[in-house]
Amino acid sequence: MILEESQNSNPREKNEWGAVTLRKPVPTSVAGSHDSFSYWVDEKSPVGPDQTPAIKRLARISLVKKLMKKWSVTQNLTFREQLEAGIRYFDLRVSSKPGDADQEIYFIHGLFGIKVSDGLMEIDSFLTQHPQEIVFLDFNHFYAMDEAHHKRLVLRIQEAFGNKLCSACSVESMTLQALWKKKCQVLIFYHCPFYKQYPFLWPGKKIPAPWANTTSVRKLILFLETTLSERAPRGSFHVSQAILTPRVKTIARGLVGGLKNTLVHRNLPAILDWVKTQKPGAMGVNIITSDFVDLVDFATTVIELNDLLQEDRALAKC
């Protein structure tokens, strides 16, 4: 979501918040990516602790890791490229790495990704260049992490963003005007009790993300509609995960093709058609995530839903 007016002629470089009153809360339609960091995973590293013992044994065969990569990667674009495309919500899963002497924290989705600190610095670089942009960083899965690992991760977050971090508060009290005045640009959601130790860590319950866990577009859309109708009208953001999840038999049938070619590419247009029918607001869509956000005009489609808010205000004045 490009918050500031841009001189760039690129249609994606638009003011996403143009339809939002500055003194109103921020329930706008936000484009997000699923497993946002997975554009690069390391075939040479150990299999992640998020995998079963059986997979870890199989992964001793080098070919298995190559096949795992085809199903672990859910994005083509780097953090910077996603930001430039209009993505503002990032789905993050992290882990310590066995044998890592520096005790760093890494992104993880079956295989290890880049260091979390490197990804955060890439995001911060963009935010520094775009001081009216706001991002949602959702740390929702933690693997092989004790208290020392959590402290290291939080330190990396502080080092990357400093005063850009937004302290947790009521969702309804958040306005663009207030965020810009405080120069706050980063909301960190932390799905672990450790969040209580830091004022800038938002509890995970403030950003629920129901998961359909299906390979069927029909079932996915029904699930998205149902969970939207059941979402809390106040007190939290809401993530609609517009993603399909492969079953074991799905992977077996499309082993070489991978997630993108087997499941995403042919179904994403239908999912995007559903997105186009949505409306943002208290009981409507808020944050919508997708795999491979570059395959269709996903971010722009989600962003343009905000125009409906402006139309409603215009009608209300009639």
C-alpha atoms as a PDB file:
ATOM      1  CA  MET A   1       0.000   0.000   0.000  1.00  0.00           C
ATOM      2  CA  ILE A   2       1.764   3.129  -1.174  1.00  0.00           C
ATOM      3  CA  LEU A   3       0.550   5.676   1.340  1.00  0.00           C
ATOM      4  CA  GLU A   4       2.133   8.760  -0.083  1.00  0.00           C
ATOM      5  CA  GLU A   5       1.480  10.408  -3.403  1.00  0.00           C
ATOM      6  CA  SER A   6       4.047   9.275  -5.924  1.00  0.00           C
ATOM      7  CA  GLN A   7       5.405  11.012  -8.973  1.00  0.00           C
ATOM      8  CA  ASN A   8       6.059   7.606 -10.519  1.00  0.00           C
ATOM      9  CA  SER A   9       3.807   6.808 -13.475  1.00  0.00           C
ATOM     10  CA  ASN A  10       3.727   3.135 -12.565  1.00  0.00           C
ATOM     11  CA  PRO A  11       0.034   2.399 -11.828  1.00  0.00           C
ATOM     12  CA  ARG A  12       1.032   0.326  -8.811  1.00  0.00           C
ATOM     13  CA  GLU A  13       2.774   3.344  -7.319  1.00  0.00           C
ATOM     14  CA  LYS A  14      -0.512   4.870  -6.237  1.00  0.00           C
ATOM     15  CA  ASN A  15      -1.805   6.338  -3.008  1.00  0.00           C
ATOM     16  CA  GLU A  16      -3.576   3.319  -1.561  1.00  0.00           C
ATOM     17  CA  TRP A  17      -4.901   5.367   1.306  1.00  0.00           C
ATOM     18  CA  GLY A  18      -6.482   7.936  -0.999  1.00  0.00           C
ATOM     19  CA  ALA A  19      -9.932   6.582  -0.143  1.00  0.00           C
ATOM     20  CA  VAL A  20      -9.364   6.652   3.600  1.00  0.00           C
ATOM     21  CA  THR A  21     -10.132   9.585   5.871  1.00  0.00           C
ATOM     22  CA  LEU A  22      -7.033  10.411   7.891  1.00  0.00           C
ATOM     23  CA  ARG A  23      -8.923  10.695  11.184  1.00  0.00           C
ATOM     24  CA  LYS A  24     -10.736   7.377  10.723  1.00  0.00           C
ATOM     25  CA  PRO A  25      -9.351   4.040  11.997  1.00  0.00           C
ATOM     26  CA  VAL A  26      -7.447   1.957   9.471  1.00  0.00           C
ATOM     27  CA  PRO A  27      -9.700  -0.942   8.371  1.00  0.00           C
ATOM     28  CA  THR A  28      -8.659  -0.613   4.737  1.00  0.00           C
ATOM     29  CA  SER A  29      -8.028  -3.352   2.216  1.00  0.00           C
ATOM     30  CA  VAL A  30      -4.373  -4.379   2.470  1.00  0.00           C
ATOM     31  CA  ALA A  31      -2.495  -6.693   0.105  1.00  0.00           C
ATOM     32  CA  GLY A  32      -0.348  -9.368   1.729  1.00  0.00           C
ATOM     33  CA  SER A  33       1.797 -12.329   0.769  1.00  0.00           C
ATOM     34  CA  HIS A  34       1.769 -15.866   2.172  1.00  0.00           C
ATOM     35  CA  ASP A  35       5.123 -17.199   3.433  1.00  0.00           C
ATOM     36  CA  SER A  36       6.462 -13.855   2.284  1.00  0.00           C
ATOM     37  CA  PHE A  37      10.149 -14.748   2.727  1.00  0.00           C
ATOM     38  CA  SER A  38      10.133 -17.997   0.739  1.00  0.00           C
ATOM     39  CA  TYR A  39      11.403 -16.531  -2.532  1.00  0.00           C
ATOM     40  CA  TRP A  40      14.780 -18.063  -1.554  1.00  0.00           C
ATOM     41  CA  VAL A  41      15.418 -21.230   0.415  1.00  0.00           C
ATOM     42  CA  ASP A  42      18.707 -23.013   1.012  1.00  0.00           C
ATOM     43  CA  GLU A  43      18.857 -26.533  -0.409  1.00  0.00           C
ATOM     44  CA  LYS A  44      22.228 -27.068   1.271  1.00  0.00           C
ATOM     45  CA  SER A  45      21.056 -26.358   4.812  1.00  0.00           C
ATOM     46  CA  PRO A  46      19.428 -28.936   7.092  1.00  0.00           C
ATOM     47  CA  VAL A  47      15.704 -29.524   6.734  1.00  0.00           C
ATOM     48  CA  GLY A  48      13.805 -27.250   9.100  1.00  0.00           C
ATOM     49  CA  PRO A  49      12.412 -28.252  12.501  1.00  0.00           C
ATOM     50  CA  ASP A  50       8.931 -27.630  11.090  1.00  0.00           C
ATOM     51  CA  GLN A  51       9.199 -30.940   9.199  1.00  0.00           C
ATOM     52  CA  THR A  52       8.385 -34.474  10.358  1.00  0.00           C
ATOM     53  CA  PRO A  53      11.112 -37.013  11.230  1.00  0.00           C
ATOM     54  CA  ALA A  54      10.174 -38.990   8.098  1.00  0.00           C
ATOM     55  CA  ILE A  55      10.803 -35.987   5.840  1.00  0.00           C
ATOM     56  CA  LYS A  56      14.087 -35.282   7.599  1.00  0.00           C
ATOM     57  CA  ARG A  57      15.246 -38.841   6.889  1.00  0.00           C
ATOM     58  CA  LEU A  58      14.226 -38.636   3.237  1.00  0.00           C
ATOM     59  CA  ALA A  59      15.981 -35.285   2.868  1.00  0.00           C
ATOM     60  CA  ARG A  60      19.332 -36.994   3.245  1.00  0.00           C
ATOM     61  CA  ILE A  61      18.899 -37.727  -0.449  1.00  0.00           C
ATOM     62  CA  SER A  62      19.921 -34.561  -2.311  1.00  0.00           C
ATOM     63  CA  LEU A  63      17.138 -34.872  -4.891  1.00  0.00           C
ATOM     64  CA  VAL A  64      14.532 -34.731  -2.131  1.00  0.00           C
ATOM     65  CA  LYS A  65      15.596 -31.221  -1.106  1.00  0.00           C
ATOM     66  CA  LYS A  66      15.345 -30.043  -4.707  1.00  0.00           C
ATOM     67  CA  LEU A  67      11.782 -31.345  -4.819  1.00  0.00           C
ATOM     68  CA  MET A  68      11.046 -29.808  -1.411  1.00  0.00           C
ATOM     69  CA  LYS A  69      12.127 -26.445  -2.752  1.00  0.00           C
ATOM     70  CA  LYS A  70       9.465 -26.622  -5.465  1.00  0.00           C
ATOM     71  CA  TRP A  71       6.828 -26.922  -2.757  1.00  0.00           C
ATOM     72  CA  SER A  72       8.414 -24.639  -0.134  1.00  0.00           C
ATOM     73  CA  VAL A  73       8.704 -21.568  -2.364  1.00  0.00           C
ATOM     74  CA  THR A  74       5.446 -19.581  -2.440  1.00  0.00           C
ATOM     75  CA  GLN A  75       6.747 -16.240  -3.756  1.00  0.00           C
ATOM     76  CA  ASN A  76       8.926 -15.114  -6.655  1.00  0.00           C
ATOM     77  CA  LEU A  77       9.570 -11.569  -5.449  1.00  0.00           C
ATOM     78  CA  THR A  78      12.010 -10.370  -2.790  1.00  0.00           C
ATOM     79  CA  PHE A  79      10.790  -8.249   0.116  1.00  0.00           C
ATOM     80  CA  ARG A  80      11.763  -5.086  -1.746  1.00  0.00           C
ATOM     81  CA  GLU A  81      10.047  -6.205  -4.935  1.00  0.00           C
ATOM     82  CA  GLN A  82       6.911  -7.144  -3.017  1.00  0.00           C
ATOM     83  CA  LEU A  83       6.871  -3.728  -1.357  1.00  0.00           C
ATOM     84  CA  GLU A  84       7.269  -2.014  -4.703  1.00  0.00           C
ATOM     85  CA  ALA A  85       4.372  -4.090  -6.046  1.00  0.00           C
ATOM     86  CA  GLY A  86       2.097  -2.901  -3.223  1.00  0.00           C
ATOM     87  CA  ILE A  87       2.378  -5.698  -0.645  1.00  0.00           C
ATOM     88  CA  ARG A  88       2.172  -4.378   2.934  1.00  0.00           C
ATOM     89  CA  TYR A  89       1.397  -7.453   5.052  1.00  0.00           C
ATOM     90  CA  PHE A  90       4.107 -10.086   5.495  1.00  0.00           C
ATOM     91  CA  ASP A  91       3.519 -13.611   6.812  1.00  0.00           C
ATOM     92  CA  LEU A  92       6.681 -14.649   8.696  1.00  0.00           C
ATOM     93  CA  ARG A  93       7.814 -18.016  10.102  1.00  0.00           C
ATOM     94  CA  VAL A  94      11.125 -18.190  11.899  1.00  0.00           C
ATOM     95  CA  SER A  95      13.511 -20.676  13.468  1.00  0.00           C
ATOM     96  CA  SER A  96      16.942 -21.139  14.951  1.00  0.00           C
ATOM     97  CA  LYS A  97      19.297 -23.236  12.815  1.00  0.00           C
ATOM     98  CA  PRO A  98      21.139 -26.306  14.132  1.00  0.00           C
ATOM     99  CA  GLY A  99      24.885 -25.766  14.311  1.00  0.00           C
ATOM    100  CA  ASP A 100      24.713 -22.035  13.592  1.00  0.00           C
ATOM    101  CA  ALA A 101      27.579 -20.555  15.613  1.00  0.00           C
ATOM    102  CA  ASP A 102      26.119 -17.033  15.527  1.00  0.00           C
ATOM    103  CA  GLN A 103      22.783 -18.194  16.973  1.00  0.00           C
ATOM    104  CA  GLU A 104      20.959 -16.149  14.347  1.00  0.00           C
ATOM    105  CA  ILE A 105      17.279 -16.529  13.513  1.00  0.00           C
ATOM    106  CA  TYR A 106      16.235 -17.557  10.005  1.00  0.00           C
ATOM    107  CA  PHE A 107      13.035 -17.632   8.017  1.00  0.00           C
ATOM    108  CA  ILE A 108      11.739 -21.167   7.581  1.00  0.00           C
ATOM    109  CA  HIS A 109       9.298 -23.050   5.355  1.00  0.00           C
ATOM    110  CA  GLY A 110      10.460 -26.629   5.133  1.00  0.00           C
ATOM    111  CA  LEU A 111      13.913 -25.362   4.200  1.00  0.00           C
ATOM    112  CA  PHE A 112      15.769 -22.439   5.756  1.00  0.00           C
ATOM    113  CA  GLY A 113      15.564 -19.040   4.104  1.00  0.00           C
ATOM    114  CA  ILE A 114      17.593 -15.876   4.591  1.00  0.00           C
ATOM    115  CA  LYS A 115      18.517 -14.437   7.980  1.00  0.00           C
ATOM    116  CA  VAL A 116      15.618 -12.554   9.530  1.00  0.00           C
ATOM    117  CA  SER A 117      17.889  -9.565  10.161  1.00  0.00           C
ATOM    118  CA  ASP A 118      18.684  -9.289   6.437  1.00  0.00           C
ATOM    119  CA  GLY A 119      15.013  -9.337   5.503  1.00  0.00           C
ATOM    120  CA  LEU A 120      14.104  -6.725   8.100  1.00  0.00           C
ATOM    121  CA  MET A 121      16.845  -4.385   6.941  1.00  0.00           C
ATOM    122  CA  GLU A 122      15.575  -4.694   3.367  1.00  0.00           C
ATOM    123  CA  ILE A 123      12.098  -3.684   4.502  1.00  0.00           C
ATOM    124  CA  ASP A 124      13.473  -0.818   6.595  1.00  0.00           C
ATOM    125  CA  SER A 125      15.396   0.545   3.625  1.00  0.00           C
ATOM    126  CA  PHE A 126      12.142   0.854   1.691  1.00  0.00           C
ATOM    127  CA  LEU A 127      10.337   2.464   4.626  1.00  0.00           C
ATOM    128  CA  THR A 128      13.085   5.043   5.075  1.00  0.00           C
ATOM    129  CA  GLN A 129      12.621   6.053   1.447  1.00  0.00           C
ATOM    130  CA  HIS A 130       8.816   6.116   1.833  1.00  0.00           C
ATOM    131  CA  PRO A 131       8.133   7.720   5.245  1.00  0.00           C
ATOM    132  CA  GLN A 132       4.329   7.515   4.976  1.00  0.00           C
ATOM    133  CA  GLU A 133       4.244   3.779   4.313  1.00  0.00           C
ATOM    134  CA  ILE A 134       3.018   1.359   6.960  1.00  0.00           C
ATOM    135  CA  VAL A 135       3.679  -2.392   7.064  1.00  0.00           C
ATOM    136  CA  PHE A 136       2.290  -5.305   9.058  1.00  0.00           C
ATOM    137  CA  LEU A 137       4.885  -7.941  10.032  1.00  0.00           C
ATOM    138  CA  ASP A 138       3.183 -11.058  11.352  1.00  0.00           C
ATOM    139  CA  PHE A 139       5.540 -13.420  13.202  1.00  0.00           C
ATOM    140  CA  ASN A 140       3.143 -16.336  13.551  1.00  0.00           C
ATOM    141  CA  HIS A 141       5.268 -19.495  13.709  1.00  0.00           C
ATOM    142  CA  PHE A 142       8.358 -20.077  15.859  1.00  0.00           C
ATOM    143  CA  TYR A 143      10.465 -23.246  15.717  1.00  0.00           C
ATOM    144  CA  ALA A 144      13.325 -24.434  17.938  1.00  0.00           C
ATOM    145  CA  MET A 145      13.385 -21.129  19.812  1.00  0.00           C
ATOM    146  CA  ASP A 146      13.974 -20.655  23.537  1.00  0.00           C
ATOM    147  CA  GLU A 147      13.884 -17.382  25.474  1.00  0.00           C
ATOM    148  CA  ALA A 148      17.401 -16.432  24.344  1.00  0.00           C
ATOM    149  CA  HIS A 149      16.387 -16.871  20.700  1.00  0.00           C
ATOM    150  CA  HIS A 150      13.304 -14.710  21.198  1.00  0.00           C
ATOM    151  CA  LYS A 151      15.403 -11.985  22.812  1.00  0.00           C
ATOM    152  CA  ARG A 152      17.813 -12.094  19.882  1.00  0.00           C
ATOM    153  CA  LEU A 153      14.955 -11.852  17.409  1.00  0.00           C
ATOM    154  CA  VAL A 154      13.401  -8.880  19.200  1.00  0.00           C
ATOM    155  CA  LEU A 155      16.814  -7.207  19.302  1.00  0.00           C
ATOM    156  CA  ARG A 156      17.085  -7.634  15.522  1.00  0.00           C
ATOM    157  CA  ILE A 157      13.634  -6.077  15.143  1.00  0.00           C
ATOM    158  CA  GLN A 158      14.664  -3.092  17.277  1.00  0.00           C
ATOM    159  CA  GLU A 159      17.953  -2.694  15.411  1.00  0.00           C
ATOM    160  CA  ALA A 160      16.184  -2.705  12.058  1.00  0.00           C
ATOM    161  CA  PHE A 161      13.269  -0.360  12.758  1.00  0.00           C
ATOM    162  CA  GLY A 162      14.040   1.674  15.893  1.00  0.00           C
ATOM    163  CA  ASN A 163      11.547   4.509  16.298  1.00  0.00           C
ATOM    164  CA  LYS A 164       9.474   3.276  13.355  1.00  0.00           C
ATOM    165  CA  LEU A 165       7.936   0.618  15.627  1.00  0.00           C
ATOM    166  CA  CYS A 166       4.320   1.229  16.587  1.00  0.00           C
ATOM    167  CA  SER A 167       3.333   0.457  20.188  1.00  0.00           C
ATOM    168  CA  ALA A 168       0.377  -1.860  20.639  1.00  0.00           C
ATOM    169  CA  CYS A 169      -2.908  -0.039  21.158  1.00  0.00           C
ATOM    170  CA  SER A 170      -6.574  -0.442  20.339  1.00  0.00           C
ATOM    171  CA  VAL A 171      -7.136  -0.987  16.638  1.00  0.00           C
ATOM    172  CA  GLU A 172      -9.915   1.607  16.609  1.00  0.00           C
ATOM    173  CA  SER A 173      -7.587   4.323  17.928  1.00  0.00           C
ATOM    174  CA  MET A 174      -5.154   3.906  15.053  1.00  0.00           C
ATOM    175  CA  THR A 175      -5.463   6.564  12.387  1.00  0.00           C
ATOM    176  CA  LEU A 176      -3.153   7.447   9.552  1.00  0.00           C
ATOM    177  CA  GLN A 177      -2.851  10.963  10.900  1.00  0.00           C
ATOM    178  CA  ALA A 178      -1.689   9.669  14.295  1.00  0.00           C
ATOM    179  CA  LEU A 179       0.751   7.177  12.782  1.00  0.00           C
ATOM    180  CA  TRP A 180       2.280   9.771  10.504  1.00  0.00           C
ATOM    181  CA  LYS A 181       2.566  12.304  13.329  1.00  0.00           C
ATOM    182  CA  LYS A 182       4.458   9.771  15.471  1.00  0.00           C
ATOM    183  CA  LYS A 183       6.438   8.573  12.428  1.00  0.00           C
ATOM    184  CA  CYS A 184       5.364   5.007  13.185  1.00  0.00           C
ATOM    185  CA  GLN A 185       5.550   2.688  10.201  1.00  0.00           C
ATOM    186  CA  VAL A 186       5.866  -0.879  11.500  1.00  0.00           C
ATOM    187  CA  LEU A 187       3.319  -3.023  13.331  1.00  0.00           C
ATOM    188  CA  ILE A 188       4.863  -6.230  14.715  1.00  0.00           C
ATOM    189  CA  PHE A 189       2.492  -9.074  15.589  1.00  0.00           C
ATOM    190  CA  TYR A 190       4.040 -11.779  17.762  1.00  0.00           C
ATOM    191  CA  HIS A 191       2.161 -15.050  18.266  1.00  0.00           C
ATOM    192  CA  CYS A 192       3.935 -16.022  21.463  1.00  0.00           C
ATOM    193  CA  PRO A 193       3.498 -14.977  25.128  1.00  0.00           C
ATOM    194  CA  PHE A 194       6.911 -13.302  24.834  1.00  0.00           C
ATOM    195  CA  TYR A 195       5.107 -10.287  23.322  1.00  0.00           C
ATOM    196  CA  LYS A 196       4.117  -9.173  26.838  1.00  0.00           C
ATOM    197  CA  GLN A 197       7.682  -8.063  27.556  1.00  0.00           C
ATOM    198  CA  TYR A 198       7.788  -5.361  24.863  1.00  0.00           C
ATOM    199  CA  PRO A 199       5.289  -2.554  24.212  1.00  0.00           C
ATOM    200  CA  PHE A 200       5.844  -2.646  20.439  1.00  0.00           C
ATOM    201  CA  LEU A 201       4.903  -6.327  20.082  1.00  0.00           C
ATOM    202  CA  TRP A 202       1.226  -6.780  19.297  1.00  0.00           C
ATOM    203  CA  PRO A 203      -0.450 -10.011  20.482  1.00  0.00           C
ATOM    204  CA  GLY A 204      -1.270 -12.501  17.758  1.00  0.00           C
ATOM    205  CA  LYS A 205      -4.965 -12.416  18.681  1.00  0.00           C
ATOM    206  CA  LYS A 206      -5.071  -8.892  17.251  1.00  0.00           C
ATOM    207  CA  ILE A 207      -4.611 -10.296  13.746  1.00  0.00           C
ATOM    208  CA  PRO A 208      -6.422 -13.632  13.304  1.00  0.00           C
ATOM    209  CA  ALA A 209      -5.777 -15.441  10.015  1.00  0.00           C
ATOM    210  CA  PRO A 210      -8.182 -18.380   9.583  1.00  0.00           C
ATOM    211  CA  TRP A 211      -6.779 -21.123   7.334  1.00  0.00           C
ATOM    212  CA  ALA A 212      -9.001 -23.079   4.938  1.00  0.00           C
ATOM    213  CA  ASN A 213      -6.519 -25.957   4.448  1.00  0.00           C
ATOM    214  CA  THR A 214      -8.045 -27.085   1.149  1.00  0.00           C
ATOM    215  CA  THR A 215      -7.098 -27.692  -2.485  1.00  0.00           C
ATOM    216  CA  SER A 216     -10.576 -26.706  -3.688  1.00  0.00           C
ATOM    217  CA  VAL A 217     -11.248 -23.151  -4.862  1.00  0.00           C
ATOM    218  CA  ARG A 218     -14.951 -23.622  -4.146  1.00  0.00           C
ATOM    219  CA  LYS A 219     -14.299 -24.709  -0.559  1.00  0.00           C
ATOM    220  CA  LEU A 220     -11.739 -21.924  -0.109  1.00  0.00           C
ATOM    221  CA  ILE A 221     -14.182 -19.218  -1.179  1.00  0.00           C
ATOM    222  CA  LEU A 222     -16.931 -20.650   1.031  1.00  0.00           C
ATOM    223  CA  PHE A 223     -14.489 -20.651   3.956  1.00  0.00           C
ATOM    224  CA  LEU A 224     -13.401 -17.067   3.283  1.00  0.00           C
ATOM    225  CA  GLU A 225     -17.013 -15.897   3.117  1.00  0.00           C
ATOM    226  CA  THR A 226     -17.905 -17.731   6.330  1.00  0.00           C
ATOM    227  CA  THR A 227     -14.952 -16.437   8.331  1.00  0.00           C
ATOM    228  CA  LEU A 228     -15.581 -12.885   7.138  1.00  0.00           C
ATOM    229  CA  SER A 229     -19.187 -13.112   8.325  1.00  0.00           C
ATOM    230  CA  GLU A 230     -17.962 -14.357  11.706  1.00  0.00           C
ATOM    231  CA  ARG A 231     -15.101 -11.906  12.222  1.00  0.00           C
ATOM    232  CA  ALA A 232     -15.108  -9.612  15.231  1.00  0.00           C
ATOM    233  CA  PRO A 233     -16.486  -6.185  14.275  1.00  0.00           C
ATOM    234  CA  ARG A 234     -14.004  -4.411  16.550  1.00  0.00           C
ATOM    235  CA  GLY A 235     -10.707  -4.926  18.337  1.00  0.00           C
ATOM    236  CA  SER A 236      -8.609  -6.660  15.698  1.00  0.00           C
ATOM    237  CA  PHE A 237      -7.421  -6.768  12.135  1.00  0.00           C
ATOM    238  CA  HIS A 238      -8.414  -9.749   9.981  1.00  0.00           C
ATOM    239  CA  VAL A 239      -6.419 -11.765   7.445  1.00  0.00           C
ATOM    240  CA  SER A 240      -8.208 -13.594   4.635  1.00  0.00           C
ATOM    241  CA  GLN A 241      -5.774 -16.270   3.477  1.00  0.00           C
ATOM    242  CA  ALA A 242      -6.755 -16.659  -0.178  1.00  0.00           C
ATOM    243  CA  ILE A 243      -4.464 -19.646  -0.619  1.00  0.00           C
ATOM    244  CA  LEU A 244      -4.782 -23.318  -1.508  1.00  0.00           C
ATOM    245  CA  THR A 245      -2.877 -25.909   0.522  1.00  0.00           C
ATOM    246  CA  PRO A 246      -1.586 -29.107  -1.123  1.00  0.00           C
ATOM    247  CA  ARG A 247      -2.388 -32.523   0.280  1.00  0.00           C
ATOM    248  CA  VAL A 248       0.140 -35.354   0.254  1.00  0.00           C
ATOM    249  CA  LYS A 249      -1.529 -36.787  -2.853  1.00  0.00           C
ATOM    250  CA  THR A 250      -1.392 -33.342  -4.512  1.00  0.00           C
ATOM    251  CA  ILE A 251       2.355 -33.248  -3.999  1.00  0.00           C
ATOM    252  CA  ALA A 252       2.742 -36.856  -5.182  1.00  0.00           C
ATOM    253  CA  ARG A 253       0.851 -36.144  -8.416  1.00  0.00           C
ATOM    254  CA  GLY A 254       2.692 -32.907  -9.138  1.00  0.00           C
ATOM    255  CA  LEU A 255       6.013 -33.781  -7.558  1.00  0.00           C
ATOM    256  CA  VAL A 256       8.214 -32.232 -10.234  1.00  0.00           C
ATOM    257  CA  GLY A 257       5.858 -29.396 -11.163  1.00  0.00           C
ATOM    258  CA  GLY A 258       5.822 -27.856  -7.698  1.00  0.00           C
ATOM    259  CA  LEU A 259       3.274 -25.656  -5.956  1.00  0.00           C
ATOM    260  CA  LYS A 260       3.148 -22.897  -8.556  1.00  0.00           C
ATOM    261  CA  ASN A 261       2.575 -25.085 -11.602  1.00  0.00           C
ATOM    262  CA  THR A 262       0.414 -27.725  -9.930  1.00  0.00           C
ATOM    263  CA  LEU A 263      -1.946 -25.695  -7.756  1.00  0.00           C
ATOM    264  CA  VAL A 264      -1.498 -21.933  -7.891  1.00  0.00           C
ATOM    265  CA  HIS A 265      -1.133 -20.919 -11.520  1.00  0.00           C
ATOM    266  CA  ARG A 266      -4.410 -22.401 -12.752  1.00  0.00           C
ATOM    267  CA  ASN A 267      -6.483 -21.396  -9.710  1.00  0.00           C
ATOM    268  CA  LEU A 268      -5.257 -17.890  -8.941  1.00  0.00           C
ATOM    269  CA  PRO A 269      -7.458 -16.159 -11.569  1.00  0.00           C
ATOM    270  CA  ALA A 270     -10.598 -17.630  -9.949  1.00  0.00           C
ATOM    271  CA  ILE A 271      -9.401 -16.525  -6.519  1.00  0.00           C
ATOM    272  CA  LEU A 272      -8.744 -13.034  -7.881  1.00  0.00           C
ATOM    273  CA  ASP A 273     -12.289 -12.931  -9.270  1.00  0.00           C
ATOM    274  CA  TRP A 274     -13.536 -13.470  -5.710  1.00  0.00           C
ATOM    275  CA  VAL A 275     -11.297 -10.666  -4.436  1.00  0.00           C
ATOM    276  CA  LYS A 276     -12.825  -8.291  -6.987  1.00  0.00           C
ATOM    277  CA  THR A 277     -16.284  -8.858  -5.495  1.00  0.00           C
ATOM    278  CA  GLN A 278     -15.239  -7.904  -1.958  1.00  0.00           C
ATOM    279  CA  LYS A 279     -15.698  -4.718   0.002  1.00  0.00           C
ATOM    280  CA  PRO A 280     -13.471  -3.436   2.833  1.00  0.00           C
ATOM    281  CA  GLY A 281     -14.825  -2.317   6.165  1.00  0.00           C
ATOM    282  CA  ALA A 282     -15.713  -3.509   9.659  1.00  0.00           C
ATOM    283  CA  MET A 283     -17.397  -6.712   8.451  1.00  0.00           C
ATOM    284  CA  GLY A 284     -15.688  -6.900   5.078  1.00  0.00           C
ATOM    285  CA  VAL A 285     -12.195  -7.764   3.931  1.00  0.00           C
ATOM    286  CA  ASN A 286      -9.180  -6.215   5.604  1.00  0.00           C
ATOM    287  CA  ILE A 287      -5.916  -7.994   4.757  1.00  0.00           C
ATOM    288  CA  ILE A 288      -5.899 -10.492   1.875  1.00  0.00           C
ATOM    289  CA  THR A 289      -2.908 -12.765   1.258  1.00  0.00           C
ATOM    290  CA  SER A 290      -1.886 -14.818  -1.749  1.00  0.00           C
ATOM    291  CA  ASP A 291       0.837 -17.092  -3.026  1.00  0.00           C
ATOM    292  CA  PHE A 292       2.942 -15.830  -5.954  1.00  0.00           C
ATOM    293  CA  VAL A 293       1.532 -12.311  -5.840  1.00  0.00           C
ATOM    294  CA  ASP A 294       3.227 -11.446  -9.139  1.00  0.00           C
ATOM    295  CA  LEU A 295       1.368 -14.015 -11.265  1.00  0.00           C
ATOM    296  CA  VAL A 296      -1.729 -11.810 -11.490  1.00  0.00           C
ATOM    297  CA  ASP A 297      -2.369  -8.158 -10.685  1.00  0.00           C
ATOM    298  CA  PHE A 298      -3.079  -9.148  -7.091  1.00  0.00           C
ATOM    299  CA  ALA A 299      -1.861  -6.149  -5.093  1.00  0.00           C
ATOM    300  CA  THR A 300      -3.481  -3.549  -7.340  1.00  0.00           C
ATOM    301  CA  THR A 301      -6.779  -5.448  -7.275  1.00  0.00           C
ATOM    302  CA  VAL A 302      -6.790  -5.521  -3.465  1.00  0.00           C
ATOM    303  CA  ILE A 303      -5.709  -1.887  -3.174  1.00  0.00           C
ATOM    304  CA  GLU A 304      -8.442  -0.687  -5.534  1.00  0.00           C
ATOM    305  CA  LEU A 305     -11.099  -2.104  -3.207  1.00  0.00           C
ATOM    306  CA  ASN A 306     -10.391   0.966  -1.069  1.00  0.00           C
ATOM    307  CA  ASP A 307     -12.019   3.099  -3.765  1.00  0.00           C
ATOM    308  CA  LEU A 308     -15.344   1.627  -2.628  1.00  0.00           C
ATOM    309  CA  LEU A 309     -14.951   3.449   0.698  1.00  0.00           C
ATOM    310  CA  GLN A 310     -14.680   6.742  -1.135  1.00  0.00           C
ATOM    311  CA  GLU A 311     -17.767   5.922  -3.199  1.00  0.00           C
ATOM    312  CA  ASP A 312     -19.738   5.143  -0.025  1.00  0.00           C
ATOM    313  CA  ARG A 313     -18.772   8.484   1.497  1.00  0.00           C
ATOM    314  CA  ALA A 314     -19.798  10.284  -1.669  1.00  0.00           C
ATOM    315  CA  LEU A 315     -23.210   8.585  -1.622  1.00  0.00           C
ATOM    316  CA  ALA A 316     -23.638   9.406   2.069  1.00  0.00           C
ATOM    317  CA  LYS A 317     -23.264  13.105   1.262  1.00  0.00           C
ATOM    318  CA  CYS A 318     -26.032  13.014  -1.349  1.00  0.00           C
END
